Amino acid sequence: MKRLVLFCCCGMFFFIGHGFGQYRHEWSVFMGAANYQGDLPEPHLELVESRLAGGLLYRYHWHPKWAVRAQVIRGRISGDDAHANTRSSRKFRFSAPITESAIGLEWKPFGRRSLYYVGKFRPHIGPYLYAGVGVAHARPVAVCYRTDMPPEFDPFAGEMRQSWFLAVPYGVGLRVDATPRWSVGLEVGQRPVFSDLLDGISVTGNPEKDDWYVFSGLTISWRIGTSRFRDVNTE
């Protein structure tokens, strides 16, 4: 897992040396929320358990419709049986900081060049899809807050522990290219981790279903380099 983290981080910079000077390189700040799906408390997302998330993205636009993207995003996920309809009496809860490093592809079905060949900028708005592979690191802490049990009672004593997870981020977004260099966007994406231990609860929960997490939020992006077309908007 640690080698895969190193691979994802190196991938962020792999394309920097190619094609520089055509607005192909883009850095983005991500600000949003992290959510979790798993044993606590229900299969759907509990919006009340949304926690802040933030990170950094890099894109290499090698085609008007395609880009390679790499990202490092950090947030916190949590869950509580207090929000459950059928398991509220169990009184389990957990919380975990989570860091994701991933690399993948982004596809803009209606993508086009931001500049005409004469150098006139064209504002553009359009959707995009992305998918990739990476790793997530989390250290979940699960507790039982039932008051009718002795202090030494630990329902999680037999649980396995796991802190590194394979993640497959995929999602959808909407992007607005407002100027030749600045863009804003909204995106939401799920991440299966192929494990039931993201929340630290498996045997005492539902070991037949794996856990997920979700990052959603706003991106503010800045392209760097110089265009091969004269940008008449800056004259």
Protein backbone atom coordinates (compact mmCIF):
# COMPACT_ATOMS: atom_id res chain seq x y z
CA MET A 1 0.00 0.00 0.00
CA LYS A 2 2.81 2.44 0.83
CA ARG A 3 4.38 1.78 -2.58
CA LEU A 4 1.06 2.55 -4.23
CA VAL A 5 0.86 5.85 -2.33
CA LEU A 6 4.31 6.75 -3.65
CA PHE A 7 3.20 5.80 -7.18
CA CYS A 8 0.11 8.03 -6.94
CA CYS A 9 2.13 10.99 -5.67
CA CYS A 10 4.73 10.56 -8.42
CA GLY A 11 1.94 10.34 -10.97
CA MET A 12 0.85 13.83 -10.00
CA PHE A 13 4.07 15.24 -11.42
CA PHE A 14 4.78 12.78 -14.25
CA PHE A 15 3.19 14.85 -16.98
CA ILE A 16 4.57 18.23 -15.93
CA GLY A 17 7.53 17.89 -18.26
CA HIS A 18 5.41 17.21 -21.37
CA GLY A 19 3.54 19.74 -23.46
CA PHE A 20 4.27 22.66 -21.17
CA GLY A 21 3.18 26.00 -22.54
CA GLN A 22 -0.34 25.32 -23.84
CA TYR A 23 -2.53 25.89 -20.77
CA ARG A 24 -2.41 22.12 -20.31
CA HIS A 25 -1.38 22.14 -16.68
CA GLU A 26 -3.95 22.92 -14.04
CA TRP A 27 -3.90 23.04 -10.24
CA SER A 28 -7.12 22.92 -8.25
CA VAL A 29 -8.07 23.45 -4.63
CA PHE A 30 -10.86 21.17 -3.42
CA MET A 31 -13.15 22.24 -0.56
CA GLY A 32 -16.13 20.17 0.47
CA ALA A 33 -17.46 17.37 2.62
CA ALA A 34 -16.69 13.75 3.42
CA ASN A 35 -19.38 11.14 4.06
CA TYR A 36 -19.45 7.43 4.75
CA GLN A 37 -21.58 4.40 3.92
CA GLY A 38 -21.26 1.24 5.97
CA ASP A 39 -22.40 -0.50 9.15
CA LEU A 40 -23.28 2.76 10.94
CA PRO A 41 -26.08 3.40 10.80
CA GLU A 42 -27.89 2.73 7.49
CA PRO A 43 -26.93 1.89 3.87
CA HIS A 44 -27.67 5.43 2.69
CA LEU A 45 -25.71 8.61 3.37
CA GLU A 46 -26.43 10.44 6.60
CA LEU A 47 -26.00 14.11 5.71
CA VAL A 48 -25.94 15.04 9.39
CA GLU A 49 -22.63 13.14 9.59
CA SER A 50 -21.00 15.25 6.85
CA ARG A 51 -17.51 16.41 7.82
CA LEU A 52 -15.16 18.93 6.24
CA ALA A 53 -12.72 17.79 3.55
CA GLY A 54 -10.08 19.57 1.52
CA GLY A 55 -7.29 18.79 -0.88
CA LEU A 56 -5.21 19.51 -3.95
CA LEU A 57 -5.77 18.28 -7.52
CA TYR A 58 -3.54 18.37 -10.58
CA ARG A 59 -4.80 17.94 -14.15
CA TYR A 60 -2.89 17.54 -17.38
CA HIS A 61 -5.20 18.43 -20.31
CA TRP A 62 -3.69 16.43 -23.17
CA HIS A 63 -6.90 16.71 -25.25
CA PRO A 64 -9.94 19.06 -25.14
CA LYS A 65 -12.05 16.14 -23.91
CA TRP A 66 -9.52 14.24 -21.81
CA ALA A 67 -7.30 14.95 -18.84
CA VAL A 68 -5.10 12.98 -16.49
CA ARG A 69 -5.82 13.92 -12.88
CA ALA A 70 -4.05 13.22 -9.62
CA GLN A 71 -5.31 14.19 -6.21
CA VAL A 72 -4.63 14.19 -2.51
CA ILE A 73 -7.73 14.81 -0.39
CA ARG A 74 -8.08 14.69 3.38
CA GLY A 75 -11.21 14.69 5.49
CA ARG A 76 -12.99 12.94 8.34
CA ILE A 77 -15.74 10.33 8.23
CA SER A 78 -18.07 9.30 11.04
CA GLY A 79 -21.23 7.37 11.83
CA ASP A 80 -23.57 6.91 14.76
CA ASP A 81 -26.36 4.43 15.52
CA ALA A 82 -28.33 7.35 16.94
CA HIS A 83 -29.43 8.10 13.35
CA ALA A 84 -30.58 4.53 12.65
CA ASN A 85 -34.22 3.48 12.45
CA THR A 86 -33.66 -0.13 13.51
CA ARG A 87 -30.32 -0.23 15.36
CA SER A 88 -30.40 2.85 17.57
CA SER A 89 -30.40 0.69 20.73
CA ARG A 90 -27.03 -0.83 19.75
CA LYS A 91 -25.35 2.56 20.41
CA PHE A 92 -22.21 2.23 18.29
CA ARG A 93 -20.37 5.18 16.80
CA PHE A 94 -17.05 5.75 15.08
CA SER A 95 -14.88 8.50 13.66
CA ALA A 96 -11.77 8.41 11.48
CA PRO A 97 -9.51 10.88 9.68
CA ILE A 98 -9.06 9.73 6.09
CA THR A 99 -6.49 10.69 3.46
CA GLU A 100 -6.79 9.68 -0.18
CA SER A 101 -4.07 9.64 -2.84
CA ALA A 102 -5.30 8.72 -6.32
CA ILE A 103 -4.64 9.07 -10.03
CA GLY A 104 -7.05 8.60 -12.93
CA LEU A 105 -8.72 9.98 -16.06
CA GLU A 106 -11.27 12.73 -16.57
CA TRP A 107 -13.59 12.87 -19.58
CA LYS A 108 -15.45 16.00 -20.73
CA PRO A 109 -18.01 14.81 -23.33
CA PHE A 110 -18.60 18.37 -24.57
CA GLY A 111 -15.04 19.58 -24.10
CA ARG A 112 -13.49 22.01 -26.58
CA ARG A 113 -10.53 24.33 -26.86
CA SER A 114 -10.83 27.38 -24.66
CA LEU A 115 -9.27 29.58 -27.37
CA TYR A 116 -10.09 29.99 -31.05
CA TYR A 117 -7.05 29.84 -33.34
CA VAL A 118 -7.27 33.64 -33.52
CA GLY A 119 -6.85 33.77 -29.74
CA LYS A 120 -10.41 34.72 -28.69
CA PHE A 121 -11.44 33.10 -25.42
CA ARG A 122 -14.75 31.25 -25.23
CA PRO A 123 -16.34 30.77 -21.79
CA HIS A 124 -17.62 27.25 -21.42
CA ILE A 125 -19.75 25.20 -19.05
CA GLY A 126 -20.07 21.44 -19.20
CA PRO A 127 -20.16 18.16 -17.26
CA TYR A 128 -17.34 15.70 -16.77
CA LEU A 129 -16.84 12.16 -15.52
CA TYR A 130 -13.79 10.83 -13.73
CA ALA A 131 -12.48 7.48 -12.51
CA GLY A 132 -9.20 6.27 -11.12
CA VAL A 133 -7.40 4.16 -8.56
CA GLY A 134 -5.57 4.98 -5.38
CA VAL A 135 -5.21 4.29 -1.69
CA ALA A 136 -6.89 5.63 1.40
CA HIS A 137 -5.41 5.76 4.88
CA ALA A 138 -7.77 5.84 7.85
CA ARG A 139 -7.52 5.02 11.55
CA PRO A 140 -11.07 4.37 12.74
CA VAL A 141 -11.97 4.55 16.40
CA ALA A 142 -15.23 2.75 17.28
CA VAL A 143 -16.92 3.00 20.65
CA CYS A 144 -20.06 1.62 22.31
CA TYR A 145 -21.84 4.18 24.48
CA ARG A 146 -24.41 1.92 26.10
CA THR A 147 -24.80 2.75 29.79
CA ASP A 148 -26.30 -0.61 30.77
CA MET A 149 -23.06 -2.52 30.20
CA PRO A 150 -20.05 -2.91 32.56
CA PRO A 151 -17.10 -0.54 31.91
CA GLU A 152 -14.86 -3.41 30.80
CA PHE A 153 -17.34 -4.47 28.09
CA ASP A 154 -15.74 -4.13 24.64
CA PRO A 155 -17.87 -5.40 21.73
CA PHE A 156 -15.01 -4.70 19.29
CA ALA A 157 -12.37 -6.82 21.01
CA GLY A 158 -12.58 -9.49 18.29
CA GLU A 159 -12.44 -7.09 15.35
CA MET A 160 -9.53 -7.01 12.94
CA ARG A 161 -7.72 -3.73 12.39
CA GLN A 162 -6.93 -2.15 9.01
CA SER A 163 -5.59 1.31 8.18
CA TRP A 164 -4.68 1.10 4.44
CA PHE A 165 -7.39 0.56 1.85
CA LEU A 166 -7.51 0.19 -1.92
CA ALA A 167 -9.83 2.93 -3.26
CA VAL A 168 -11.46 3.33 -6.67
CA PRO A 169 -12.73 6.91 -6.90
CA TYR A 170 -15.30 7.68 -9.59
CA GLY A 171 -17.84 10.45 -9.96
CA VAL A 172 -19.35 13.29 -11.91
CA GLY A 173 -18.84 17.04 -11.95
CA LEU A 174 -19.87 20.29 -13.58
CA ARG A 175 -17.17 22.73 -14.68
CA VAL A 176 -17.28 26.41 -15.64
CA ASP A 177 -14.29 27.85 -17.55
CA ALA A 178 -14.81 31.48 -16.64
CA THR A 179 -11.52 32.92 -17.97
CA PRO A 180 -8.60 31.52 -20.00
CA ARG A 181 -6.90 30.53 -16.75
CA TRP A 182 -9.57 30.30 -14.01
CA SER A 183 -12.32 27.68 -13.62
CA VAL A 184 -14.74 26.61 -10.92
CA GLY A 185 -16.57 23.34 -10.57
CA LEU A 186 -18.76 21.11 -8.45
CA GLU A 187 -18.20 17.39 -8.16
CA VAL A 188 -19.29 14.35 -6.17
CA GLY A 189 -17.69 10.91 -6.17
CA GLN A 190 -17.94 7.57 -4.41
CA ARG A 191 -15.06 5.39 -3.29
CA PRO A 192 -15.48 1.66 -2.67
CA VAL A 193 -12.66 0.31 -0.50
CA PHE A 194 -13.33 -3.46 -0.86
CA SER A 195 -13.22 -3.88 2.90
CA ASP A 196 -15.68 -3.87 5.78
CA LEU A 197 -13.19 -2.35 8.21
CA LEU A 198 -13.23 1.31 7.16
CA ASP A 199 -15.32 2.03 10.28
CA GLY A 200 -13.50 -0.51 12.47
CA ILE A 201 -16.69 -2.58 12.70
CA SER A 202 -17.30 -5.80 10.80
CA VAL A 203 -18.10 -8.94 12.82
CA THR A 204 -20.32 -6.95 15.20
CA GLY A 205 -21.98 -5.22 12.24
CA ASN A 206 -22.69 -6.59 8.77
CA PRO A 207 -19.57 -8.40 7.51
CA GLU A 208 -21.24 -9.29 4.20
CA LYS A 209 -21.23 -5.68 2.93
CA ASP A 210 -18.15 -3.56 2.31
CA ASP A 211 -17.81 0.10 3.28
CA TRP A 212 -17.69 3.19 1.05
CA TYR A 213 -16.85 6.86 1.46
CA VAL A 214 -17.78 9.94 -0.55
CA PHE A 215 -16.07 13.27 -1.28
CA SER A 216 -18.18 16.11 -2.68
CA GLY A 217 -17.53 19.80 -3.00
CA LEU A 218 -16.22 22.81 -4.89
CA THR A 219 -13.05 23.10 -6.97
CA ILE A 220 -11.27 26.33 -7.86
CA SER A 221 -8.75 25.78 -10.65
CA TRP A 222 -5.90 27.74 -12.21
CA ARG A 223 -4.18 26.81 -15.48
CA ILE A 224 -0.50 27.57 -15.89
CA GLY A 225 1.76 27.92 -18.90
CA THR A 226 1.49 30.05 -22.03
CA SER A 227 -0.91 29.40 -24.88
CA ARG A 228 0.36 28.70 -28.36
CA PHE A 229 -2.42 31.08 -29.51
CA ARG A 230 -2.28 34.82 -28.87
CA ASP A 231 -4.88 35.59 -26.20
CA VAL A 232 -6.55 38.79 -27.39
CA ASN A 233 -8.56 39.00 -24.15
CA THR A 234 -5.48 40.16 -22.26
CA GLU A 235 -4.60 42.95 -24.68
